[in-house]
Structures are given as structure tokens and as C-alpha cells.
């Protein structure tokens, strides 16, 4: 499956989903973006 990396827009509920090692952060509204897990 495709995934998006650091700083890219994501959506926890419907995708696009973050690559391994990233999580979808929605703090910077209105968009969610992938951030590093570490």
C-alpha cells in the first residue's frame, strides 16, 4: 500500500496513511500531517 512520509498530509480515518515510523498528527489544523514516531 502507498504511504506518505514526513510532513505530508494524512488522514487517520480514511488515508492517505503515514509510512512506518511516522504517525498522523492533527495538531496543525486544518490539516493532519505525518510526524516521526521517535
PDB file of N, CA and C in Angstrom:
ATOM      1  N   UNK A   1       0.849  -1.198   0.000  1.00  0.00           N
ATOM      2  CA  UNK A   1       0.000   0.000   0.000  1.00  0.00           C
ATOM      3  C   UNK A   1       0.882   1.245   0.000  1.00  0.00           C
ATOM      4  N   UNK A   2       0.399   2.267  -0.668  1.00  0.00           N
ATOM      5  CA  UNK A   2       1.140   3.522  -0.682  1.00  0.00           C
ATOM      6  C   UNK A   2       1.050   4.184   0.681  1.00  0.00           C
ATOM      7  N   UNK A   3       2.056   4.970   0.989  1.00  0.00           N
ATOM      8  CA  UNK A   3       2.055   5.719   2.234  1.00  0.00           C
ATOM      9  C   UNK A   3       2.746   7.046   2.007  1.00  0.00           C
ATOM     10  N   UNK A   4       2.540   7.962   2.936  1.00  0.00           N
ATOM     11  CA  UNK A   4       3.154   9.276   2.826  1.00  0.00           C
ATOM     12  C   UNK A   4       4.127   9.495   3.972  1.00  0.00           C
ATOM     13  N   UNK A   5       5.136  10.300   3.729  1.00  0.00           N
ATOM     14  CA  UNK A   5       6.223  10.480   4.681  1.00  0.00           C
ATOM     15  C   UNK A   5       6.127  11.761   5.481  1.00  0.00           C
ATOM     16  N   UNK A   6       7.262  12.137   6.056  1.00  0.00           N
ATOM     17  CA  UNK A   6       7.336  13.250   6.993  1.00  0.00           C
ATOM     18  C   UNK A   6       6.794  14.549   6.406  1.00  0.00           C
ATOM     19  N   UNK A   7       5.874  15.178   7.119  1.00  0.00           N
ATOM     20  CA  UNK A   7       5.355  16.474   6.727  1.00  0.00           C
ATOM     21  C   UNK A   7       4.259  16.426   5.683  1.00  0.00           C
ATOM     22  N   UNK A   8       3.928  15.225   5.198  1.00  0.00           N
ATOM     23  CA  UNK A   8       2.905  15.098   4.180  1.00  0.00           C
ATOM     24  C   UNK A   8       1.524  15.018   4.812  1.00  0.00           C
ATOM     25  N   UNK A   9       0.512  15.453   4.070  1.00  0.00           N
ATOM     26  CA  UNK A   9      -0.847  15.413   4.599  1.00  0.00           C
ATOM     27  C   UNK A   9      -1.335  13.981   4.714  1.00  0.00           C
ATOM     28  N   UNK A  10      -2.056  13.707   5.807  1.00  0.00           N
ATOM     29  CA  UNK A  10      -2.580  12.368   6.064  1.00  0.00           C
ATOM     30  C   UNK A  10      -3.958  12.502   6.689  1.00  0.00           C
ATOM     31  N   UNK A  11      -4.667  11.383   6.795  1.00  0.00           N
ATOM     32  CA  UNK A  11      -5.970  11.359   7.442  1.00  0.00           C
ATOM     33  C   UNK A  11      -6.103  10.040   8.182  1.00  0.00           C
ATOM     34  N   UNK A  12      -6.209  10.136   9.505  1.00  0.00           N
ATOM     35  CA  UNK A  12      -6.276   8.923  10.329  1.00  0.00           C
ATOM     36  C   UNK A  12      -7.422   8.004   9.925  1.00  0.00           C
ATOM     37  N   UNK A  13      -8.543   8.626   9.510  1.00  0.00           N
ATOM     38  CA  UNK A  13      -9.761   7.840   9.308  1.00  0.00           C
ATOM     39  C   UNK A  13      -9.870   7.252   7.912  1.00  0.00           C
ATOM     40  N   UNK A  14      -9.294   7.893   6.880  1.00  0.00           N
ATOM     41  CA  UNK A  14      -9.546   7.446   5.514  1.00  0.00           C
ATOM     42  C   UNK A  14      -8.294   7.378   4.652  1.00  0.00           C
ATOM     43  N   UNK A  15      -7.146   7.768   5.207  1.00  0.00           N
ATOM     44  CA  UNK A  15      -5.937   7.813   4.412  1.00  0.00           C
ATOM     45  C   UNK A  15      -5.834   9.136   3.674  1.00  0.00           C
ATOM     46  N   UNK A  16      -4.714   9.478   3.060  1.00  0.00           N
ATOM     47  CA  UNK A  16      -3.536   8.609   2.978  1.00  0.00           C
ATOM     48  C   UNK A  16      -2.890   8.377   4.340  1.00  0.00           C
ATOM     49  N   UNK A  17      -2.290   7.226   4.474  1.00  0.00           N
ATOM     50  CA  UNK A  17      -1.715   6.834   5.751  1.00  0.00           C
ATOM     51  C   UNK A  17      -0.217   7.072   5.784  1.00  0.00           C
ATOM     52  N   UNK A  18       0.302   7.308   6.978  1.00  0.00           N
ATOM     53  CA  UNK A  18       1.727   7.574   7.123  1.00  0.00           C
ATOM     54  C   UNK A  18       2.546   6.296   6.993  1.00  0.00           C
ATOM     55  N   UNK A  19       3.766   6.464   6.495  1.00  0.00           N
ATOM     56  CA  UNK A  19       4.683   5.330   6.380  1.00  0.00           C
ATOM     57  C   UNK A  19       5.089   4.835   7.766  1.00  0.00           C
ATOM     58  N   UNK A  20       5.684   3.656   7.800  1.00  0.00           N
ATOM     59  CA  UNK A  20       6.193   3.100   9.041  1.00  0.00           C
ATOM     60  C   UNK A  20       7.191   4.065   9.659  1.00  0.00           C
ATOM     61  N   UNK A  21       7.076   4.291  10.960  1.00  0.00           N
ATOM     62  CA  UNK A  21       7.970   5.214  11.637  1.00  0.00           C
ATOM     63  C   UNK A  21       7.390   6.607  11.781  1.00  0.00           C
ATOM     64  N   UNK A  22       6.180   6.796  11.237  1.00  0.00           N
ATOM     65  CA  UNK A  22       5.506   8.089  11.357  1.00  0.00           C
ATOM     66  C   UNK A  22       4.104   7.899  11.896  1.00  0.00           C
ATOM     67  N   UNK A  23       3.555   8.960  12.476  1.00  0.00           N
ATOM     68  CA  UNK A  23       2.161   8.918  12.914  1.00  0.00           C
ATOM     69  C   UNK A  23       1.457  10.153  12.379  1.00  0.00           C
ATOM     70  N   UNK A  24       0.136  10.100  12.320  1.00  0.00           N
ATOM     71  CA  UNK A  24      -0.647  11.195  11.770  1.00  0.00           C
ATOM     72  C   UNK A  24      -1.006  12.166  12.887  1.00  0.00           C
ATOM     73  N   UNK A  25      -0.453  13.372  12.823  1.00  0.00           N
ATOM     74  CA  UNK A  25      -0.703  14.393  13.839  1.00  0.00           C
ATOM     75  C   UNK A  25      -1.651  15.444  13.295  1.00  0.00           C
ATOM     76  N   UNK A  26      -2.707  15.730  14.044  1.00  0.00           N
ATOM     77  CA  UNK A  26      -3.708  16.687  13.584  1.00  0.00           C
ATOM     78  C   UNK A  26      -3.654  17.989  14.372  1.00  0.00           C
ATOM     79  N   UNK A  27      -2.540  18.269  15.025  1.00  0.00           N
ATOM     80  CA  UNK A  27      -2.461  19.475  15.846  1.00  0.00           C
ATOM     81  C   UNK A  27      -2.385  20.744  15.002  1.00  0.00           C
ATOM     82  N   UNK A  28      -1.802  20.628  13.804  1.00  0.00           N
ATOM     83  CA  UNK A  28      -1.673  21.808  12.949  1.00  0.00           C
ATOM     84  C   UNK A  28      -2.861  21.884  12.002  1.00  0.00           C
ATOM     85  N   UNK A  29      -4.010  22.214  12.574  1.00  0.00           N
ATOM     86  CA  UNK A  29      -5.227  22.293  11.784  1.00  0.00           C
ATOM     87  C   UNK A  29      -5.056  23.340  10.696  1.00  0.00           C
ATOM     88  N   UNK A  30      -5.772  23.274   9.568  1.00  0.00           N
ATOM     89  CA  UNK A  30      -6.865  22.322   9.346  1.00  0.00           C
ATOM     90  C   UNK A  30      -6.418  20.973   8.804  1.00  0.00           C
ATOM     91  N   UNK A  31      -5.125  20.767   8.626  1.00  0.00           N
ATOM     92  CA  UNK A  31      -4.677  19.527   8.015  1.00  0.00           C
ATOM     93  C   UNK A  31      -3.920  18.664   9.007  1.00  0.00           C
ATOM     94  N   UNK A  32      -4.027  17.355   8.813  1.00  0.00           N
ATOM     95  CA  UNK A  32      -3.197  16.424   9.562  1.00  0.00           C
ATOM     96  C   UNK A  32      -1.925  16.177   8.759  1.00  0.00           C
ATOM     97  N   UNK A  33      -0.806  16.010   9.448  1.00  0.00           N
ATOM     98  CA  UNK A  33       0.457  15.757   8.760  1.00  0.00           C
ATOM     99  C   UNK A  33       1.229  14.655   9.482  1.00  0.00           C
ATOM    100  N   UNK A  34       2.030  13.934   8.708  1.00  0.00           N
ATOM    101  CA  UNK A  34       2.827  12.857   9.292  1.00  0.00           C
ATOM    102  C   UNK A  34       4.006  13.424  10.063  1.00  0.00           C
ATOM    103  N   UNK A  35       4.250  12.859  11.228  1.00  0.00           N
ATOM    104  CA  UNK A  35       5.395  13.243  12.041  1.00  0.00           C
ATOM    105  C   UNK A  35       6.126  11.977  12.492  1.00  0.00           C
ATOM    106  N   UNK A  36       7.413  12.137  12.776  1.00  0.00           N
ATOM    107  CA  UNK A  36       8.227  10.987  13.178  1.00  0.00           C
ATOM    108  C   UNK A  36       7.792  10.450  14.534  1.00  0.00           C
ATOM    109  N   UNK A  37       7.812   9.123  14.670  1.00  0.00           N
ATOM    110  CA  UNK A  37       7.495   8.488  15.953  1.00  0.00           C
ATOM    111  C   UNK A  37       8.550   8.774  17.011  1.00  0.00           C
ATOM    112  N   UNK A  38       9.798   8.899  16.576  1.00  0.00           N
ATOM    113  CA  UNK A  38      10.909   8.961  17.526  1.00  0.00           C
ATOM    114  C   UNK A  38      11.075  10.331  18.169  1.00  0.00           C
TER     115      UNK A  38
END
